[in-house]
Structure formats: C-alpha cells, structure tokens
Amino acid sequence: PEVINGRTHKATVVDLSPWVEYEFRVVASNSVGIGEPSRPSPLLKTKAAVPVVAPTSVSGGGGSRSELVIMWEPVPEELQNGEGFGYIVMFRPLGSTTWTKAAVASVDASKYVYRNESITPLSPFEVKVGVYNNEGEGTLTSISIVYSGEDEPQIAPAGTAALSVSAAEVEVSWQPIAWNRHTGRVLGYEVR
C-alpha cells in the first residue's frame, strides 16, 4: 500500500470487492524501519453491488426427449456481490429472434432443464447465462450452442444375418444405423 504522510490520520482504501468483510491494520514507519501493526479493526462489510462476473463453462445437451438441459460452472461466493444471488438463463431456437428467459434463484445452481413437448429432438439452441442479485442484473455470457435431448432411435438396423459358428455359438451381423438428426448418436445395439 501507499505510504501516507505522518501528519495524516485517515485514508481511503480503494479497489475492494463488494459485499466482502474486511479488517484493517495500520503500521507506522520512519527512516529506521517499520513498527508493529495496530490491533485489527472491527470487521466491516463493503456495500453490495450488481454482480459483474458471469458463470463459466456454459454447456448442456443430453436429457430426455422434449428437454433442453443447460449447465454452467457456478459463480464463487466472493464474486456474487450481494444477497439474493441467482442465475438468469436465456435461450432460443437457432435462427429465432425471440429469447425465452428464466430465473434460477439458487446460489448453488449449475443446471436448468426446460421441458416442452414441442421441442424437436437434437435441435440446436442459442444459450446465454447471466447473474443477478438484489442490486440488479449483471453480466451475461456469450452465446453457446446447446442441443435438445435425443429421442430413441426410430429406425431398426437393416440387413440382419446370422451364421452358425459352432454347436454353441451364432454370429449375428447387421448394418449400422447412420447418424441423422432424428436418430442421434447410436450408443449401442441389443441383440435379441
């Protein structure tokens, strides 16, 4: 910290974080050196302010049919800047001009699930996540693309064939289902 003139008996401390408790000490110095610090002042909490740090790592996807799952890394307590902290989630189908907005009033929240039967499986959505507290709305993230949940595959594998290998084994083969917007990622097959 800056050295203050010996005839001055008060100073203004700047660049503190909002809504954080601080304690202060004062030390005297001269040409010989620095003396012992004073006793700590009583704890003092700075005033609240609108949050300025947005969540990080906005992502999502997965979930069930007709769901849009949005996830983020929560904002640490020391950056929430006041009481009544929560998250603002904004999303819209890719190419749309109208945003849907939802408030998540939990400090620890890291996920929001939007359910609507009209959501097409694997549809891309533009997503932004922001923050708010009792002082107002803060910063929003830049846009991320998140896909809605998948539906179960609607197409059966074709070209199923079986070949007897031994008295106790049969080899079954089939043509894989190609990825498309309606089938999604095929994670596995079940042989019955």
Protein backbone atom coordinates (compact mmCIF):
# COMPACT_ATOMS: atom_id res chain seq x y z
CA PRO A 1 0.00 0.00 0.00
CA GLU A 2 0.90 3.62 -0.48
CA VAL A 3 2.84 5.30 2.36
CA ILE A 4 0.81 8.09 3.93
CA ASN A 5 2.26 11.34 5.32
CA GLY A 6 2.91 11.21 9.09
CA ARG A 7 0.57 14.16 9.74
CA THR A 8 -2.41 12.34 8.14
CA HIS A 9 -4.69 10.31 10.37
CA LYS A 10 -7.10 8.74 7.88
CA ALA A 11 -7.02 7.16 4.42
CA THR A 12 -9.48 5.90 1.85
CA VAL A 13 -8.93 2.31 0.78
CA VAL A 14 -9.96 1.65 -2.83
CA ASP A 15 -10.45 -1.29 -5.22
CA LEU A 16 -12.14 -3.50 -2.61
CA SER A 17 -14.61 -6.17 -3.62
CA PRO A 18 -18.32 -5.52 -2.96
CA TRP A 19 -20.13 -7.37 -0.16
CA VAL A 20 -16.93 -8.72 1.44
CA GLU A 21 -15.87 -8.39 5.07
CA TYR A 22 -12.51 -6.67 5.65
CA GLU A 23 -10.42 -5.79 8.67
CA PHE A 24 -7.61 -3.24 8.66
CA ARG A 25 -4.34 -2.62 10.49
CA VAL A 26 -2.07 0.40 10.49
CA VAL A 27 1.72 0.35 10.84
CA ALA A 28 3.98 3.33 11.49
CA SER A 29 7.26 3.73 9.65
CA ASN A 30 10.24 6.06 9.74
CA SER A 31 13.79 6.13 8.38
CA VAL A 32 14.79 3.31 10.77
CA GLY A 33 12.08 0.87 9.75
CA ILE A 34 8.50 -0.32 10.26
CA GLY A 35 6.93 -0.72 13.70
CA GLU A 36 4.42 -3.27 14.97
CA PRO A 37 0.94 -3.27 13.38
CA SER A 38 -2.06 -1.94 15.26
CA ARG A 39 -4.76 -4.28 16.52
CA PRO A 40 -7.14 -5.28 13.73
CA SER A 41 -10.13 -3.01 13.21
CA PRO A 42 -13.60 -4.48 13.68
CA LEU A 43 -14.82 -6.41 10.62
CA LEU A 44 -16.51 -4.15 8.10
CA LYS A 45 -18.53 -5.38 5.13
CA THR A 46 -18.47 -3.33 1.93
CA LYS A 47 -21.78 -2.44 0.29
CA ALA A 48 -23.45 -4.75 -2.21
CA ALA A 49 -23.25 -4.12 -5.96
CA VAL A 50 -24.61 -5.61 -9.16
CA PRO A 51 -22.64 -8.80 -9.97
CA VAL A 52 -20.15 -8.40 -12.82
CA VAL A 53 -18.78 -11.94 -13.21
CA ALA A 54 -20.82 -14.29 -15.39
CA PRO A 55 -20.78 -18.09 -15.00
CA THR A 56 -18.18 -20.04 -16.97
CA SER A 57 -18.24 -23.27 -18.97
CA VAL A 58 -21.78 -22.94 -20.34
CA SER A 59 -22.72 -26.24 -21.99
CA GLY A 60 -25.56 -28.72 -21.98
CA GLY A 61 -27.32 -31.30 -24.04
CA GLY A 62 -28.48 -34.76 -23.17
CA GLY A 63 -31.61 -35.15 -21.14
CA SER A 64 -34.81 -36.80 -22.25
CA ARG A 65 -37.00 -36.22 -25.26
CA SER A 66 -38.59 -32.73 -25.18
CA GLU A 67 -35.92 -31.37 -22.80
CA LEU A 68 -33.25 -28.72 -23.14
CA VAL A 69 -30.57 -29.15 -20.46
CA ILE A 70 -28.32 -26.13 -19.82
CA MET A 71 -25.32 -26.33 -17.45
CA TRP A 72 -22.68 -23.90 -16.17
CA GLU A 73 -19.94 -23.52 -13.57
CA PRO A 74 -21.37 -21.61 -10.54
CA VAL A 75 -20.00 -18.20 -9.55
CA PRO A 76 -17.98 -18.32 -6.28
CA GLU A 77 -19.48 -16.57 -3.24
CA GLU A 78 -16.84 -13.83 -3.17
CA LEU A 79 -17.92 -12.72 -6.67
CA GLN A 80 -21.69 -12.70 -6.04
CA ASN A 81 -21.54 -9.09 -4.78
CA GLY A 82 -24.70 -9.22 -2.64
CA GLU A 83 -27.70 -11.05 -1.25
CA GLY A 84 -30.44 -12.53 -3.40
CA PHE A 85 -27.96 -14.01 -5.87
CA GLY A 86 -29.21 -16.21 -8.70
CA TYR A 87 -28.84 -17.02 -12.38
CA ILE A 88 -30.66 -15.81 -15.50
CA VAL A 89 -30.95 -18.40 -18.26
CA MET A 90 -31.83 -17.21 -21.76
CA PHE A 91 -32.33 -19.47 -24.76
CA ARG A 92 -33.90 -19.55 -28.22
CA PRO A 93 -34.00 -21.99 -31.12
CA LEU A 94 -31.15 -21.32 -33.54
CA GLY A 95 -32.41 -18.80 -36.09
CA SER A 96 -35.18 -17.42 -33.86
CA THR A 97 -35.25 -13.79 -32.75
CA THR A 98 -37.21 -14.24 -29.51
CA TRP A 99 -35.42 -15.22 -26.28
CA THR A 100 -37.06 -17.27 -23.52
CA LYS A 101 -35.86 -16.11 -20.11
CA ALA A 102 -35.90 -17.98 -16.79
CA ALA A 103 -34.58 -17.12 -13.34
CA VAL A 104 -32.87 -19.75 -11.19
CA ALA A 105 -32.94 -18.41 -7.64
CA SER A 106 -30.38 -20.79 -6.14
CA VAL A 107 -26.83 -19.68 -5.31
CA ASP A 108 -25.50 -23.22 -5.86
CA ALA A 109 -27.41 -23.95 -9.09
CA SER A 110 -25.38 -25.23 -12.02
CA LYS A 111 -28.15 -26.60 -14.25
CA TYR A 112 -31.50 -25.63 -15.74
CA VAL A 113 -33.86 -28.03 -17.52
CA TYR A 114 -36.55 -26.66 -19.84
CA ARG A 115 -39.30 -29.13 -20.73
CA ASN A 116 -41.67 -28.61 -23.65
CA GLU A 117 -43.37 -31.25 -25.83
CA SER A 118 -42.86 -29.07 -28.92
CA ILE A 119 -39.03 -29.36 -28.76
CA THR A 120 -37.74 -31.44 -31.65
CA PRO A 121 -35.03 -33.96 -30.69
CA LEU A 122 -31.46 -32.76 -31.21
CA SER A 123 -32.49 -29.20 -32.06
CA PRO A 124 -29.80 -26.52 -31.70
CA PHE A 125 -30.50 -23.65 -29.27
CA GLU A 126 -28.57 -20.45 -28.63
CA VAL A 127 -27.99 -20.12 -24.88
CA LYS A 128 -26.73 -17.34 -22.56
CA VAL A 129 -26.44 -17.49 -18.76
CA GLY A 130 -26.21 -14.41 -16.57
CA VAL A 131 -26.32 -13.42 -12.91
CA TYR A 132 -28.39 -11.18 -10.67
CA ASN A 133 -28.73 -10.18 -7.03
CA ASN A 134 -30.87 -7.73 -5.04
CA GLU A 135 -28.98 -4.84 -6.65
CA GLY A 136 -29.90 -5.82 -10.23
CA GLU A 137 -28.97 -7.94 -13.24
CA GLY A 138 -25.33 -8.40 -14.11
CA THR A 139 -23.27 -9.77 -16.95
CA LEU A 140 -24.39 -12.43 -19.46
CA THR A 141 -22.11 -14.99 -21.09
CA SER A 142 -21.55 -15.01 -24.82
CA ILE A 143 -23.82 -17.31 -26.83
CA SER A 144 -23.24 -21.07 -26.67
CA ILE A 145 -24.96 -23.69 -28.83
CA VAL A 146 -26.72 -26.46 -26.89
CA TYR A 147 -28.76 -29.31 -28.39
CA SER A 148 -32.05 -30.56 -27.02
CA GLY A 149 -32.41 -34.15 -25.80
CA GLU A 150 -32.44 -37.08 -28.17
CA ASP A 151 -35.32 -39.39 -28.94
CA GLU A 152 -34.98 -43.16 -29.00
CA PRO A 153 -33.92 -44.47 -32.43
CA GLN A 154 -36.90 -44.64 -34.81
CA ILE A 155 -35.18 -46.93 -37.32
CA ALA A 156 -34.30 -50.58 -36.83
CA PRO A 157 -30.94 -51.90 -38.06
CA ALA A 158 -31.21 -53.49 -41.52
CA GLY A 159 -29.51 -56.47 -43.09
CA THR A 160 -29.63 -58.71 -40.04
CA ALA A 161 -27.92 -62.03 -40.71
CA ALA A 162 -26.94 -64.99 -38.55
CA LEU A 163 -24.17 -67.53 -39.16
CA SER A 164 -23.68 -70.68 -37.15
CA VAL A 165 -20.09 -70.78 -35.87
CA SER A 166 -20.24 -73.88 -33.68
CA ALA A 167 -22.71 -76.05 -31.78
CA ALA A 168 -22.98 -73.35 -29.08
CA GLU A 169 -22.27 -70.11 -31.00
CA VAL A 170 -24.01 -67.99 -33.62
CA GLU A 171 -22.51 -64.84 -35.12
CA VAL A 172 -25.10 -62.12 -35.72
CA SER A 173 -24.37 -59.16 -38.01
CA TRP A 174 -26.31 -56.08 -39.17
CA GLN A 175 -25.84 -52.78 -40.96
CA PRO A 176 -25.27 -49.90 -38.53
CA ILE A 177 -27.78 -47.07 -38.30
CA ALA A 178 -26.26 -43.91 -39.77
CA TRP A 179 -26.34 -40.78 -37.62
CA ASN A 180 -29.01 -38.28 -38.55
CA ARG A 181 -30.92 -35.53 -36.82
CA HIS A 182 -33.75 -37.85 -35.82
CA THR A 183 -31.84 -40.89 -34.59
CA GLY A 184 -28.99 -39.08 -32.83
CA ARG A 185 -25.94 -40.99 -31.68
CA VAL A 186 -26.46 -44.73 -31.52
CA LEU A 187 -24.64 -45.75 -28.36
CA GLY A 188 -25.16 -49.46 -28.73
CA TYR A 189 -27.26 -52.32 -30.03
CA GLU A 190 -29.18 -55.06 -28.25
CA VAL A 191 -29.28 -58.49 -29.83
CA ARG A 192 -32.47 -60.41 -29.08
